[in-house]
Amino acid sequence: MSLRDDFRKRRLYFLATAVAVILDQATKLAAVSWLQGKGQVPVIPGFLNLWFSTNRGGLFGYFGNLDEPWRTILLVGMPLVFVVGMVLFIARTDEPDRATLFGLAMMLGGAVGNLIDRIFRGEVVDFLDVYASSPKVATFVLERFGTVHWPTFNVADSAIVVGAVLLLVDVFRPSSKEGKG
């Protein structure tokens, strides 16, 4: 089977990837237009604000202060290799599990969304601000994580987390093949 046939066979998953990228980039454009310079915009008081910020680094801002060219190699070059590898893997794998393939497609969409920002902006746009203000929840979260405020994130980050959760579900789900053999 040719690579073109492989892509056709998995077109639903590449469509999911494209939707994640489009939603990510559209919401980032909206954040740049509507939120920049406005401060916190409450959506769900005590839990969710919209708040424009940027991140020159990776996860939680790591490597943001790294000197060039190392920052670009680490935050653009390596993700680019990941993206190419993931595209080929999704197209060519014999993996039959839809949740696994959808999880990989979401992770790919998130990676591409943030990679677009790093290539064209030099930083990633973030705007979703989640925190715990309820005393019971805040105490629980603070005791376990040391903060009640999650770092600001975006739709691409959310797609990556959804994809990772789907992969974990697949890993820990009992297999119908267990006990056979």
N, C-alpha and C. Protein backbone atom coordinates (compact mmCIF):
# COMPACT_ATOMS: atom_id res chain seq x y z
N MET A 1 0.85 -1.17 0.00
CA MET A 1 0.00 0.00 0.00
C MET A 1 0.90 1.24 0.00
N SER A 2 0.52 2.26 -0.75
CA SER A 2 1.33 3.48 -0.85
C SER A 2 1.06 4.39 0.35
N LEU A 3 1.93 5.35 0.57
CA LEU A 3 1.77 6.32 1.63
C LEU A 3 0.47 7.11 1.43
N ARG A 4 0.15 7.41 0.19
CA ARG A 4 -1.10 8.13 -0.11
C ARG A 4 -2.31 7.30 0.33
N ASP A 5 -2.27 6.00 0.09
CA ASP A 5 -3.37 5.13 0.52
C ASP A 5 -3.44 5.08 2.05
N ASP A 6 -2.27 5.06 2.69
CA ASP A 6 -2.23 5.05 4.15
C ASP A 6 -2.89 6.32 4.71
N PHE A 7 -2.61 7.47 4.11
CA PHE A 7 -3.21 8.72 4.56
C PHE A 7 -4.72 8.70 4.35
N ARG A 8 -5.16 8.17 3.23
CA ARG A 8 -6.60 8.08 2.98
C ARG A 8 -7.28 7.19 4.02
N LYS A 9 -6.63 6.09 4.35
CA LYS A 9 -7.18 5.14 5.32
C LYS A 9 -7.36 5.79 6.70
N ARG A 10 -6.51 6.74 7.02
CA ARG A 10 -6.53 7.40 8.34
C ARG A 10 -7.04 8.83 8.27
N ARG A 11 -7.75 9.18 7.19
CA ARG A 11 -8.15 10.57 6.99
C ARG A 11 -8.99 11.13 8.13
N LEU A 12 -9.80 10.31 8.77
CA LEU A 12 -10.61 10.79 9.89
C LEU A 12 -9.71 11.32 11.02
N TYR A 13 -8.61 10.64 11.28
CA TYR A 13 -7.70 11.06 12.36
C TYR A 13 -6.94 12.32 11.96
N PHE A 14 -6.57 12.43 10.70
CA PHE A 14 -5.91 13.66 10.24
C PHE A 14 -6.89 14.82 10.21
N LEU A 15 -8.16 14.54 9.97
CA LEU A 15 -9.19 15.58 10.06
C LEU A 15 -9.31 16.07 11.51
N ALA A 16 -9.29 15.13 12.46
CA ALA A 16 -9.33 15.52 13.87
C ALA A 16 -8.12 16.38 14.23
N THR A 17 -6.96 16.03 13.71
CA THR A 17 -5.75 16.83 13.92
C THR A 17 -5.96 18.24 13.35
N ALA A 18 -6.46 18.32 12.13
CA ALA A 18 -6.68 19.62 11.49
C ALA A 18 -7.67 20.47 12.27
N VAL A 19 -8.74 19.85 12.78
CA VAL A 19 -9.73 20.59 13.58
C VAL A 19 -9.07 21.15 14.84
N ALA A 20 -8.24 20.35 15.50
CA ALA A 20 -7.54 20.82 16.70
C ALA A 20 -6.64 22.01 16.37
N VAL A 21 -5.92 21.93 15.27
CA VAL A 21 -5.03 23.03 14.87
C VAL A 21 -5.84 24.28 14.54
N ILE A 22 -6.91 24.13 13.79
CA ILE A 22 -7.73 25.28 13.41
C ILE A 22 -8.36 25.94 14.64
N LEU A 23 -8.93 25.14 15.54
CA LEU A 23 -9.51 25.70 16.77
C LEU A 23 -8.45 26.40 17.60
N ASP A 24 -7.28 25.79 17.70
CA ASP A 24 -6.20 26.39 18.47
C ASP A 24 -5.79 27.74 17.88
N GLN A 25 -5.54 27.77 16.59
CA GLN A 25 -5.07 29.01 15.97
C GLN A 25 -6.16 30.09 15.97
N ALA A 26 -7.41 29.70 15.77
CA ALA A 26 -8.52 30.67 15.80
C ALA A 26 -8.68 31.29 17.18
N THR A 27 -8.59 30.45 18.22
CA THR A 27 -8.74 30.99 19.58
C THR A 27 -7.55 31.85 19.97
N LYS A 28 -6.37 31.51 19.48
CA LYS A 28 -5.20 32.35 19.76
C LYS A 28 -5.31 33.70 19.05
N LEU A 29 -5.80 33.71 17.82
CA LEU A 29 -6.02 34.98 17.12
C LEU A 29 -7.03 35.83 17.87
N ALA A 30 -8.09 35.19 18.36
CA ALA A 30 -9.10 35.91 19.14
C ALA A 30 -8.48 36.46 20.43
N ALA A 31 -7.66 35.67 21.09
CA ALA A 31 -7.02 36.11 22.33
C ALA A 31 -6.13 37.31 22.08
N VAL A 32 -5.36 37.27 20.99
CA VAL A 32 -4.48 38.39 20.65
C VAL A 32 -5.33 39.64 20.40
N SER A 33 -6.43 39.49 19.67
CA SER A 33 -7.27 40.64 19.32
C SER A 33 -8.08 41.18 20.49
N TRP A 34 -8.64 40.30 21.29
CA TRP A 34 -9.60 40.74 22.29
C TRP A 34 -9.07 40.81 23.71
N LEU A 35 -8.03 40.04 24.02
CA LEU A 35 -7.60 39.96 25.42
C LEU A 35 -6.32 40.71 25.74
N GLN A 36 -5.49 40.94 24.74
CA GLN A 36 -4.20 41.55 25.00
C GLN A 36 -4.39 42.91 25.68
N GLY A 37 -3.76 43.06 26.86
CA GLY A 37 -3.83 44.30 27.61
C GLY A 37 -5.06 44.49 28.47
N LYS A 38 -5.97 43.52 28.51
CA LYS A 38 -7.21 43.68 29.27
C LYS A 38 -7.15 43.08 30.67
N GLY A 39 -6.13 42.33 31.00
CA GLY A 39 -6.09 41.67 32.31
C GLY A 39 -7.02 40.48 32.34
N GLN A 40 -7.42 40.10 33.55
CA GLN A 40 -8.27 38.92 33.71
C GLN A 40 -9.71 39.23 33.30
N VAL A 41 -10.29 38.30 32.52
CA VAL A 41 -11.69 38.39 32.13
C VAL A 41 -12.38 37.16 32.71
N PRO A 42 -13.16 37.33 33.80
CA PRO A 42 -13.81 36.18 34.43
C PRO A 42 -14.82 35.50 33.50
N VAL A 43 -14.75 34.17 33.47
CA VAL A 43 -15.71 33.36 32.71
C VAL A 43 -16.55 32.57 33.70
N ILE A 44 -15.89 31.83 34.58
CA ILE A 44 -16.55 31.13 35.69
C ILE A 44 -15.86 31.63 36.95
N PRO A 45 -16.47 32.60 37.65
CA PRO A 45 -15.80 33.20 38.82
C PRO A 45 -15.35 32.13 39.82
N GLY A 46 -14.12 32.27 40.26
CA GLY A 46 -13.55 31.32 41.21
C GLY A 46 -12.94 30.09 40.58
N PHE A 47 -12.99 30.02 39.23
CA PHE A 47 -12.46 28.82 38.57
C PHE A 47 -11.75 29.11 37.25
N LEU A 48 -12.34 29.93 36.36
CA LEU A 48 -11.79 30.12 35.01
C LEU A 48 -11.85 31.59 34.60
N ASN A 49 -10.69 32.09 34.20
CA ASN A 49 -10.58 33.42 33.59
C ASN A 49 -9.98 33.26 32.21
N LEU A 50 -10.22 34.24 31.37
CA LEU A 50 -9.45 34.41 30.15
C LEU A 50 -8.40 35.45 30.49
N TRP A 51 -7.16 35.18 30.12
CA TRP A 51 -6.07 36.08 30.49
C TRP A 51 -4.94 35.90 29.48
N PHE A 52 -4.67 36.93 28.70
CA PHE A 52 -3.66 36.85 27.68
C PHE A 52 -2.26 36.76 28.29
N SER A 53 -1.49 35.79 27.81
CA SER A 53 -0.08 35.70 28.19
C SER A 53 0.66 34.98 27.06
N THR A 54 1.98 35.08 27.10
CA THR A 54 2.79 34.36 26.12
C THR A 54 3.86 33.58 26.86
N ASN A 55 4.38 32.57 26.18
CA ASN A 55 5.36 31.68 26.78
C ASN A 55 6.45 31.40 25.74
N ARG A 56 7.66 31.86 26.01
CA ARG A 56 8.79 31.60 25.10
C ARG A 56 9.38 30.21 25.33
N GLY A 57 8.96 29.56 26.40
CA GLY A 57 9.52 28.26 26.74
C GLY A 57 8.60 27.12 26.36
N GLY A 58 8.88 25.97 26.96
CA GLY A 58 8.07 24.79 26.76
C GLY A 58 7.08 24.65 27.89
N LEU A 59 6.77 23.44 28.27
CA LEU A 59 5.84 23.15 29.34
C LEU A 59 6.22 23.92 30.60
N PHE A 60 5.26 24.66 31.16
CA PHE A 60 5.44 25.47 32.36
C PHE A 60 6.56 26.50 32.22
N GLY A 61 6.87 26.90 30.99
CA GLY A 61 7.89 27.92 30.74
C GLY A 61 9.32 27.41 30.75
N TYR A 62 9.51 26.10 30.95
CA TYR A 62 10.87 25.57 30.96
C TYR A 62 11.59 25.88 29.64
N PHE A 63 12.84 26.18 29.74
CA PHE A 63 13.74 26.46 28.61
C PHE A 63 13.48 27.80 27.93
N GLY A 64 12.60 28.63 28.48
CA GLY A 64 12.31 29.94 27.90
C GLY A 64 13.50 30.88 27.92
N ASN A 65 14.40 30.72 28.88
CA ASN A 65 15.57 31.59 28.98
C ASN A 65 16.81 30.97 28.37
N LEU A 66 16.66 29.85 27.72
CA LEU A 66 17.79 29.18 27.08
C LEU A 66 18.31 30.03 25.92
N ASP A 67 19.61 30.11 25.78
CA ASP A 67 20.22 30.90 24.70
C ASP A 67 19.95 30.25 23.35
N GLU A 68 19.91 31.10 22.32
CA GLU A 68 19.82 30.61 20.94
C GLU A 68 21.18 30.06 20.54
N PRO A 69 21.29 29.10 19.70
CA PRO A 69 20.23 28.41 18.96
C PRO A 69 19.61 27.26 19.73
N TRP A 70 20.03 27.03 20.97
CA TRP A 70 19.56 25.86 21.73
C TRP A 70 18.07 25.90 22.00
N ARG A 71 17.52 27.10 22.27
CA ARG A 71 16.09 27.21 22.52
C ARG A 71 15.32 26.80 21.27
N THR A 72 15.76 27.28 20.10
CA THR A 72 15.08 26.93 18.85
C THR A 72 15.22 25.45 18.54
N ILE A 73 16.40 24.91 18.74
CA ILE A 73 16.61 23.47 18.49
C ILE A 73 15.69 22.65 19.38
N LEU A 74 15.63 23.01 20.66
CA LEU A 74 14.85 22.24 21.62
C LEU A 74 13.34 22.43 21.43
N LEU A 75 12.90 23.66 21.16
CA LEU A 75 11.47 23.95 21.14
C LEU A 75 10.84 24.02 19.75
N VAL A 76 11.67 24.01 18.70
CA VAL A 76 11.15 23.98 17.33
C VAL A 76 11.64 22.73 16.61
N GLY A 77 12.95 22.50 16.64
CA GLY A 77 13.53 21.36 15.92
C GLY A 77 13.03 20.01 16.41
N MET A 78 13.10 19.80 17.72
CA MET A 78 12.65 18.50 18.25
C MET A 78 11.16 18.28 18.05
N PRO A 79 10.29 19.28 18.32
CA PRO A 79 8.87 19.06 18.04
C PRO A 79 8.58 18.82 16.56
N LEU A 80 9.35 19.44 15.68
CA LEU A 80 9.17 19.21 14.25
C LEU A 80 9.46 17.75 13.89
N VAL A 81 10.51 17.19 14.47
CA VAL A 81 10.83 15.78 14.27
C VAL A 81 9.69 14.91 14.82
N PHE A 82 9.18 15.27 16.01
CA PHE A 82 8.05 14.54 16.61
C PHE A 82 6.84 14.58 15.68
N VAL A 83 6.51 15.75 15.14
CA VAL A 83 5.35 15.91 14.27
C VAL A 83 5.47 15.02 13.02
N VAL A 84 6.62 15.06 12.37
CA VAL A 84 6.82 14.23 11.18
C VAL A 84 6.70 12.75 11.54
N GLY A 85 7.34 12.36 12.64
CA GLY A 85 7.26 10.96 13.07
C GLY A 85 5.84 10.54 13.41
N MET A 86 5.10 11.42 14.07
CA MET A 86 3.72 11.10 14.45
C MET A 86 2.82 11.00 13.22
N VAL A 87 3.00 11.87 12.25
CA VAL A 87 2.22 11.80 11.00
C VAL A 87 2.46 10.45 10.32
N LEU A 88 3.71 10.08 10.19
CA LEU A 88 4.04 8.80 9.55
C LEU A 88 3.52 7.62 10.36
N PHE A 89 3.63 7.70 11.69
CA PHE A 89 3.14 6.61 12.53
C PHE A 89 1.63 6.44 12.38
N ILE A 90 0.88 7.54 12.47
CA ILE A 90 -0.58 7.44 12.35
C ILE A 90 -0.95 6.89 10.97
N ALA A 91 -0.27 7.33 9.93
CA ALA A 91 -0.58 6.87 8.58
C ALA A 91 -0.25 5.40 8.39
N ARG A 92 0.83 4.92 8.97
CA ARG A 92 1.34 3.58 8.67
C ARG A 92 1.02 2.50 9.71
N THR A 93 0.61 2.88 10.91
CA THR A 93 0.43 1.88 11.96
C THR A 93 -0.72 0.92 11.64
N ASP A 94 -0.60 -0.28 12.18
CA ASP A 94 -1.68 -1.25 12.09
C ASP A 94 -2.58 -1.19 13.32
N GLU A 95 -2.34 -0.22 14.19
CA GLU A 95 -3.11 -0.06 15.42
C GLU A 95 -4.60 0.05 15.07
N PRO A 96 -5.44 -0.85 15.62
CA PRO A 96 -6.86 -0.80 15.28
C PRO A 96 -7.69 0.04 16.25
N ASP A 97 -7.16 0.38 17.42
CA ASP A 97 -7.95 1.04 18.46
C ASP A 97 -8.21 2.50 18.11
N ARG A 98 -9.47 2.84 17.98
CA ARG A 98 -9.85 4.20 17.60
C ARG A 98 -9.49 5.23 18.66
N ALA A 99 -9.65 4.86 19.94
CA ALA A 99 -9.30 5.81 21.01
C ALA A 99 -7.81 6.12 20.98
N THR A 100 -6.98 5.13 20.74
CA THR A 100 -5.54 5.35 20.65
C THR A 100 -5.21 6.26 19.48
N LEU A 101 -5.78 5.97 18.32
CA LEU A 101 -5.51 6.78 17.14
C LEU A 101 -6.04 8.20 17.29
N PHE A 102 -7.20 8.36 17.91
CA PHE A 102 -7.73 9.70 18.15
C PHE A 102 -6.85 10.43 19.16
N GLY A 103 -6.38 9.72 20.19
CA GLY A 103 -5.46 10.33 21.15
C GLY A 103 -4.19 10.82 20.49
N LEU A 104 -3.63 10.01 19.62
CA LEU A 104 -2.43 10.42 18.88
C LEU A 104 -2.73 11.61 17.98
N ALA A 105 -3.91 11.61 17.34
CA ALA A 105 -4.29 12.73 16.47
C ALA A 105 -4.42 14.02 17.27
N MET A 106 -4.98 13.94 18.48
CA MET A 106 -5.12 15.14 19.32
C MET A 106 -3.75 15.65 19.77
N MET A 107 -2.88 14.74 20.15
CA MET A 107 -1.53 15.14 20.55
C MET A 107 -0.81 15.79 19.36
N LEU A 108 -0.98 15.23 18.18
CA LEU A 108 -0.38 15.80 16.99
C LEU A 108 -0.94 17.20 16.72
N GLY A 109 -2.24 17.37 16.82
CA GLY A 109 -2.85 18.68 16.61
C GLY A 109 -2.34 19.72 17.60
N GLY A 110 -2.22 19.33 18.85
CA GLY A 110 -1.69 20.25 19.86
C GLY A 110 -0.24 20.62 19.59
N ALA A 111 0.55 19.63 19.22
CA ALA A 111 1.96 19.88 18.92
C ALA A 111 2.10 20.83 17.73
N VAL A 112 1.29 20.60 16.69
CA VAL A 112 1.35 21.47 15.51
C VAL A 112 0.89 22.89 15.86
N GLY A 113 -0.18 23.00 16.63
CA GLY A 113 -0.68 24.33 17.02
C GLY A 113 0.37 25.15 17.75
N ASN A 114 1.03 24.56 18.73
CA ASN A 114 2.07 25.29 19.47
C ASN A 114 3.32 25.50 18.62
N LEU A 115 3.62 24.56 17.74
CA LEU A 115 4.77 24.71 16.85
C LEU A 115 4.57 25.89 15.89
N ILE A 116 3.36 26.06 15.39
CA ILE A 116 3.06 27.21 14.53
C ILE A 116 3.37 28.50 15.26
N ASP A 117 2.94 28.60 16.52
CA ASP A 117 3.24 29.80 17.31
C ASP A 117 4.73 30.03 17.46
N ARG A 118 5.46 28.97 17.79
CA ARG A 118 6.90 29.12 18.01
C ARG A 118 7.63 29.54 16.73
N ILE A 119 7.19 29.01 15.60
CA ILE A 119 7.84 29.34 14.33
C ILE A 119 7.50 30.77 13.91
N PHE A 120 6.24 31.17 13.99
CA PHE A 120 5.81 32.46 13.46
C PHE A 120 5.79 33.60 14.48
N ARG A 121 5.67 33.28 15.77
CA ARG A 121 5.64 34.33 16.78
C ARG A 121 6.89 34.34 17.67
N GLY A 122 7.59 33.21 17.72
CA GLY A 122 8.72 33.09 18.62
C GLY A 122 8.31 32.78 20.05
N GLU A 123 7.01 32.61 20.27
CA GLU A 123 6.45 32.29 21.58
C GLU A 123 5.05 31.74 21.38
N VAL A 124 4.54 31.09 22.41
CA VAL A 124 3.21 30.49 22.35
C VAL A 124 2.22 31.39 23.07
N VAL A 125 1.06 31.62 22.45
CA VAL A 125 -0.01 32.40 23.06
C VAL A 125 -0.83 31.49 23.98
N ASP A 126 -1.00 31.94 25.21
CA ASP A 126 -1.84 31.23 26.20
C ASP A 126 -2.93 32.19 26.67
N PHE A 127 -4.08 31.63 27.09
CA PHE A 127 -5.16 32.52 27.51
C PHE A 127 -6.17 31.88 28.47
N LEU A 128 -6.05 30.60 28.74
CA LEU A 128 -6.97 29.93 29.65
C LEU A 128 -6.32 29.87 31.04
N ASP A 129 -7.00 30.43 32.02
CA ASP A 129 -6.47 30.59 33.37
C ASP A 129 -7.39 29.88 34.35
N VAL A 130 -6.96 28.72 34.85
CA VAL A 130 -7.77 27.90 35.75
C VAL A 130 -7.17 27.95 37.15
N TYR A 131 -8.04 28.08 38.14
CA TYR A 131 -7.57 28.14 39.53
C TYR A 131 -8.68 27.65 40.46
N ALA A 132 -8.31 27.35 41.69
CA ALA A 132 -9.27 26.88 42.69
C ALA A 132 -9.43 27.96 43.74
N SER A 133 -10.66 28.44 43.96
CA SER A 133 -10.89 29.46 44.98
C SER A 133 -11.78 28.97 46.11
N SER A 134 -12.52 27.91 45.87
CA SER A 134 -13.34 27.32 46.94
C SER A 134 -12.40 26.84 48.04
N PRO A 135 -12.64 27.22 49.30
CA PRO A 135 -11.70 26.86 50.37
C PRO A 135 -11.36 25.37 50.45
N LYS A 136 -12.35 24.49 50.36
CA LYS A 136 -12.08 23.05 50.44
C LYS A 136 -11.24 22.58 49.26
N VAL A 137 -11.63 22.98 48.06
CA VAL A 137 -10.90 22.57 46.87
C VAL A 137 -9.50 23.18 46.88
N ALA A 138 -9.42 24.47 47.24
CA ALA A 138 -8.12 25.14 47.27
C ALA A 138 -7.17 24.47 48.24
N THR A 139 -7.65 24.09 49.41
CA THR A 139 -6.81 23.41 50.39
C THR A 139 -6.33 22.07 49.85
N PHE A 140 -7.24 21.30 49.26
CA PHE A 140 -6.89 20.01 48.68
C PHE A 140 -5.83 20.17 47.60
N VAL A 141 -6.05 21.09 46.66
CA VAL A 141 -5.12 21.30 45.55
C VAL A 141 -3.78 21.84 46.06
N LEU A 142 -3.82 22.78 46.99
CA LEU A 142 -2.59 23.37 47.53
C LEU A 142 -1.73 22.33 48.23
N GLU A 143 -2.36 21.44 49.01
CA GLU A 143 -1.61 20.40 49.72
C GLU A 143 -0.94 19.42 48.76
N ARG A 144 -1.55 19.16 47.62
CA ARG A 144 -1.01 18.17 46.70
C ARG A 144 -0.10 18.75 45.62
N PHE A 145 -0.36 19.99 45.22
CA PHE A 145 0.39 20.56 44.10
C PHE A 145 1.18 21.82 44.46
N GLY A 146 0.97 22.36 45.65
CA GLY A 146 1.73 23.52 46.09
C GLY A 146 1.23 24.84 45.54
N THR A 147 0.16 24.82 44.80
CA THR A 147 -0.44 26.04 44.25
C THR A 147 -1.90 25.79 43.96
N VAL A 148 -2.69 26.86 43.93
CA VAL A 148 -4.11 26.73 43.57
C VAL A 148 -4.34 27.27 42.16
N HIS A 149 -3.25 27.66 41.50
CA HIS A 149 -3.34 28.30 40.20
C HIS A 149 -2.55 27.49 39.17
N TRP A 150 -3.24 26.96 38.18
CA TRP A 150 -2.58 26.21 37.11
C TRP A 150 -1.95 27.21 36.14
N PRO A 151 -0.77 26.90 35.57
CA PRO A 151 -0.20 27.82 34.58
C PRO A 151 -1.16 28.05 33.40
N THR A 152 -1.18 29.27 32.90
CA THR A 152 -2.05 29.62 31.78
C THR A 152 -1.74 28.71 30.59
N PHE A 153 -2.79 28.29 29.87
CA PHE A 153 -2.61 27.35 28.76
C PHE A 153 -3.52 27.72 27.60
N ASN A 154 -3.60 26.86 26.58
CA ASN A 154 -4.37 27.15 25.37
C ASN A 154 -5.05 25.88 24.86
N VAL A 155 -5.72 25.98 23.72
CA VAL A 155 -6.44 24.85 23.14
C VAL A 155 -5.47 23.74 22.71
N ALA A 156 -4.31 24.11 22.19
CA ALA A 156 -3.32 23.09 21.79
C ALA A 156 -2.89 22.27 23.00
N ASP A 157 -2.62 22.94 24.12
CA ASP A 157 -2.25 22.22 25.34
C ASP A 157 -3.37 21.29 25.78
N SER A 158 -4.60 21.76 25.66
CA SER A 158 -5.76 20.93 26.03
C SER A 158 -5.86 19.70 25.13
N ALA A 159 -5.61 19.88 23.84
CA ALA A 159 -5.65 18.75 22.90
C ALA A 159 -4.58 17.71 23.27
N ILE A 160 -3.40 18.19 23.65
CA ILE A 160 -2.33 17.27 24.06
C ILE A 160 -2.74 16.49 25.29
N VAL A 161 -3.35 17.15 26.26
CA VAL A 161 -3.79 16.46 27.48
C VAL A 161 -4.89 15.46 27.18
N VAL A 162 -5.86 15.84 26.37
CA VAL A 162 -6.94 14.91 25.98
C VAL A 162 -6.33 13.69 25.29
N GLY A 163 -5.40 13.92 24.38
CA GLY A 163 -4.74 12.81 23.69
C GLY A 163 -3.99 11.90 24.65
N ALA A 164 -3.27 12.50 25.60
CA ALA A 164 -2.52 11.70 26.57
C ALA A 164 -3.46 10.88 27.45
N VAL A 165 -4.58 11.46 27.84
CA VAL A 165 -5.56 10.73 28.66
C VAL A 165 -6.12 9.55 27.87
N LEU A 166 -6.42 9.76 26.61
CA LEU A 166 -6.92 8.65 25.77
C LEU A 166 -5.89 7.54 25.65
N LEU A 167 -4.62 7.90 25.53
CA LEU A 167 -3.56 6.88 25.47
C LEU A 167 -3.45 6.13 26.79
N LEU A 168 -3.56 6.85 27.90
CA LEU A 168 -3.50 6.19 29.22
C LEU A 168 -4.69 5.26 29.42
N VAL A 169 -5.86 5.68 28.98
CA VAL A 169 -7.04 4.81 29.07
C VAL A 169 -6.78 3.52 28.30
N ASP A 170 -6.19 3.65 27.11
CA ASP A 170 -5.90 2.47 26.31
C ASP A 170 -4.88 1.57 27.00
N VAL A 171 -3.87 2.17 27.62
CA VAL A 171 -2.83 1.38 28.30
C VAL A 171 -3.41 0.61 29.48
N PHE A 172 -4.30 1.25 30.25
CA PHE A 172 -4.80 0.62 31.47
C PHE A 172 -6.13 -0.11 31.29
N ARG A 173 -6.71 -0.04 30.11
CA ARG A 173 -7.96 -0.75 29.85
C ARG A 173 -7.66 -2.23 29.69
N PRO A 174 -8.45 -3.07 30.32
CA PRO A 174 -8.24 -4.50 30.14
C PRO A 174 -8.37 -4.89 28.67
N SER A 175 -7.45 -5.67 28.21
CA SER A 175 -7.45 -6.10 26.82
C SER A 175 -8.33 -7.31 26.64
N SER A 176 -9.02 -7.35 25.51
CA SER A 176 -9.85 -8.53 25.21
C SER A 176 -8.97 -9.72 24.85
N LYS A 177 -7.67 -9.48 24.63
CA LYS A 177 -6.74 -10.54 24.27
C LYS A 177 -6.17 -11.24 25.51
N GLU A 178 -6.31 -10.61 26.71
CA GLU A 178 -5.75 -11.19 27.92
C GLU A 178 -6.38 -12.55 28.20
N GLY A 179 -5.60 -13.45 28.63
CA GLY A 179 -6.08 -14.77 28.96
C GLY A 179 -6.14 -15.72 27.78
N LYS A 180 -5.91 -15.20 26.58
CA LYS A 180 -5.89 -16.04 25.40
C LYS A 180 -4.44 -16.36 25.04
N GLY A 181 -4.20 -17.48 24.50
CA GLY A 181 -2.86 -17.72 24.01
C GLY A 181 -2.33 -18.96 24.46
